[in-house]
Every structure is written in C-alpha cells, then in structure tokens.
Amino acid sequence: MSDINSYIANNYFYYYYYYYYYYYYYYYYYYYYYYYYYYYYYYYFYYYYYYYYYYYYYYYYYYYYYYYYYYYSYYHYYYYYY
C-alpha cells in the first residue's frame, strides 16, 4: 500500500510540475506575442503619425507660399497700375 501511495504521489507531482510548466510557457508565449503586437502597432501608429504630420506641414507650407505669392503679385500689379 505504501508503494501505491508513493506511486500516486510521484505521478501527482509529475503532472503538477508539467501542468505549471506548460502554463507558464504559454503565459510567456502570449505575453511576448501581445508585447510584439503592441510594439508593432505602436510603431505603425508612430510612423503614420509623423507621415501625416509632415504631409500637412508641407501642405500648409505650400499653401501659404502660394498665398503670399499671389498676394504680393496682386499688390505689385495694383501698385504698378494704380
């Protein structure tokens, strides 16, 4: 009877050990998976944020450039003929 109890206790410890081994294995697997996903999403957001930032920056730059260009052209035309 002692041998049976020892066998059950050893197998219980065996399955207990591997249960928590695979539990922590998949825990860290999904942890690094979501960490990588978060990092990729953050990089993606960061990239397009600065992409649209510089896009609108140059858009307004050329907008004001042509605005002042036509403004001074009109002013020069008005000053020249009047």
C-alpha atoms as a PDB file:
ATOM      1  CA  MET A   1       0.000   0.000   0.000  1.00  0.00           C
ATOM      2  CA  SER A   2       2.891   2.291   0.686  1.00  0.00           C
ATOM      3  CA  ASP A   3       4.239   1.683  -2.797  1.00  0.00           C
ATOM      4  CA  ILE A   4       0.887   2.582  -4.342  1.00  0.00           C
ATOM      5  CA  ASN A   5       0.692   5.811  -2.361  1.00  0.00           C
ATOM      6  CA  SER A   6       4.247   6.667  -3.327  1.00  0.00           C
ATOM      7  CA  TYR A   7       3.459   5.975  -6.982  1.00  0.00           C
ATOM      8  CA  ILE A   8       0.368   8.191  -6.865  1.00  0.00           C
ATOM      9  CA  ALA A   9       2.257  10.957  -5.071  1.00  0.00           C
ATOM     10  CA  ASN A  10       5.123  10.869  -7.563  1.00  0.00           C
ATOM     11  CA  ASN A  11       2.787  10.929 -10.540  1.00  0.00           C
ATOM     12  CA  TYR A  12       0.795  13.723  -8.952  1.00  0.00           C
ATOM     13  CA  PHE A  13       3.967  15.731  -8.540  1.00  0.00           C
ATOM     14  CA  TYR A  14       4.948  14.863 -12.115  1.00  0.00           C
ATOM     15  CA  TYR A  15       1.691  16.097 -13.636  1.00  0.00           C
ATOM     16  CA  TYR A  16       1.602  19.051 -11.278  1.00  0.00           C
ATOM     17  CA  TYR A  17       5.070  20.096 -12.400  1.00  0.00           C
ATOM     18  CA  TYR A  18       4.362  19.782 -16.100  1.00  0.00           C
ATOM     19  CA  TYR A  19       0.991  21.460 -15.768  1.00  0.00           C
ATOM     20  CA  TYR A  20       2.593  24.584 -14.364  1.00  0.00           C
ATOM     21  CA  TYR A  21       5.500  24.286 -16.766  1.00  0.00           C
ATOM     22  CA  TYR A  22       3.211  24.460 -19.787  1.00  0.00           C
ATOM     23  CA  TYR A  23       1.038  27.009 -18.053  1.00  0.00           C
ATOM     24  CA  TYR A  24       3.939  29.441 -17.653  1.00  0.00           C
ATOM     25  CA  TYR A  25       5.249  28.522 -21.076  1.00  0.00           C
ATOM     26  CA  TYR A  26       2.032  29.567 -22.780  1.00  0.00           C
ATOM     27  CA  TYR A  27       1.689  32.520 -20.454  1.00  0.00           C
ATOM     28  CA  TYR A  28       5.032  33.940 -21.517  1.00  0.00           C
ATOM     29  CA  TYR A  29       4.352  32.957 -25.108  1.00  0.00           C
ATOM     30  CA  TYR A  30       1.185  35.028 -25.235  1.00  0.00           C
ATOM     31  CA  TYR A  31       2.837  37.722 -23.184  1.00  0.00           C
ATOM     32  CA  TYR A  32       5.603  38.189 -25.754  1.00  0.00           C
ATOM     33  CA  TYR A  33       3.108  37.771 -28.556  1.00  0.00           C
ATOM     34  CA  TYR A  34       0.978  40.636 -27.328  1.00  0.00           C
ATOM     35  CA  TYR A  35       4.069  42.641 -26.473  1.00  0.00           C
ATOM     36  CA  TYR A  36       5.277  42.216 -30.040  1.00  0.00           C
ATOM     37  CA  TYR A  37       1.804  43.076 -31.350  1.00  0.00           C
ATOM     38  CA  TYR A  38       1.687  46.184 -29.173  1.00  0.00           C
ATOM     39  CA  TYR A  39       5.158  47.204 -30.266  1.00  0.00           C
ATOM     40  CA  TYR A  40       4.246  46.707 -33.937  1.00  0.00           C
ATOM     41  CA  TYR A  41       1.015  48.654 -33.517  1.00  0.00           C
ATOM     42  CA  TYR A  42       2.842  51.444 -31.722  1.00  0.00           C
ATOM     43  CA  TYR A  43       5.485  51.627 -34.456  1.00  0.00           C
ATOM     44  CA  TYR A  44       2.768  51.603 -37.114  1.00  0.00           C
ATOM     45  CA  PHE A  45       0.893  54.424 -35.389  1.00  0.00           C
ATOM     46  CA  TYR A  46       4.112  56.360 -34.812  1.00  0.00           C
ATOM     47  CA  TYR A  47       5.094  56.029 -38.461  1.00  0.00           C
ATOM     48  CA  TYR A  48       1.772  57.227 -39.865  1.00  0.00           C
ATOM     49  CA  TYR A  49       1.505  59.967 -37.288  1.00  0.00           C
ATOM     50  CA  TYR A  50       4.707  61.545 -38.474  1.00  0.00           C
ATOM     51  CA  TYR A  51       3.842  60.777 -42.074  1.00  0.00           C
ATOM     52  CA  TYR A  52       0.635  62.783 -41.862  1.00  0.00           C
ATOM     53  CA  TYR A  53       2.342  65.393 -39.736  1.00  0.00           C
ATOM     54  CA  TYR A  54       4.914  66.147 -42.400  1.00  0.00           C
ATOM     55  CA  TYR A  55       2.311  65.768 -45.093  1.00  0.00           C
ATOM     56  CA  TYR A  56       0.146  68.524 -43.604  1.00  0.00           C
ATOM     57  CA  TYR A  57       3.200  70.528 -42.736  1.00  0.00           C
ATOM     58  CA  TYR A  58       4.294  70.690 -46.342  1.00  0.00           C
ATOM     59  CA  TYR A  59       0.722  71.128 -47.467  1.00  0.00           C
ATOM     60  CA  TYR A  60       0.289  74.264 -45.380  1.00  0.00           C
ATOM     61  CA  TYR A  61       3.765  75.395 -46.274  1.00  0.00           C
ATOM     62  CA  TYR A  62       2.969  75.402 -49.977  1.00  0.00           C
ATOM     63  CA  TYR A  63      -0.465  76.760 -49.272  1.00  0.00           C
ATOM     64  CA  TYR A  64       0.951  79.861 -47.558  1.00  0.00           C
ATOM     65  CA  TYR A  65       3.696  80.060 -50.101  1.00  0.00           C
ATOM     66  CA  TYR A  66       1.248  80.387 -52.963  1.00  0.00           C
ATOM     67  CA  TYR A  67      -0.982  82.579 -50.873  1.00  0.00           C
ATOM     68  CA  TYR A  68       1.752  85.134 -50.329  1.00  0.00           C
ATOM     69  CA  TYR A  69       2.916  84.707 -53.872  1.00  0.00           C
ATOM     70  CA  TYR A  70      -0.458  85.711 -55.295  1.00  0.00           C
ATOM     71  CA  TYR A  71      -0.902  88.298 -52.617  1.00  0.00           C
ATOM     72  CA  TYR A  72       2.317  90.124 -53.490  1.00  0.00           C
ATOM     73  CA  SER A  73       1.706  89.631 -57.161  1.00  0.00           C
ATOM     74  CA  TYR A  74      -1.648  91.282 -56.818  1.00  0.00           C
ATOM     75  CA  TYR A  75      -0.115  94.006 -54.652  1.00  0.00           C
ATOM     76  CA  HIS A  76       2.602  94.591 -57.187  1.00  0.00           C
ATOM     77  CA  TYR A  77       0.068  94.669 -60.002  1.00  0.00           C
ATOM     78  CA  TYR A  78      -2.110  97.110 -58.083  1.00  0.00           C
ATOM     79  CA  TYR A  79       0.835  99.315 -57.186  1.00  0.00           C
ATOM     80  CA  TYR A  80       2.153  99.265 -60.733  1.00  0.00           C
ATOM     81  CA  TYR A  81      -1.065 100.225 -62.477  1.00  0.00           C
ATOM     82  CA  TYR A  82      -2.601 102.498 -59.872  1.00  0.00           C
END
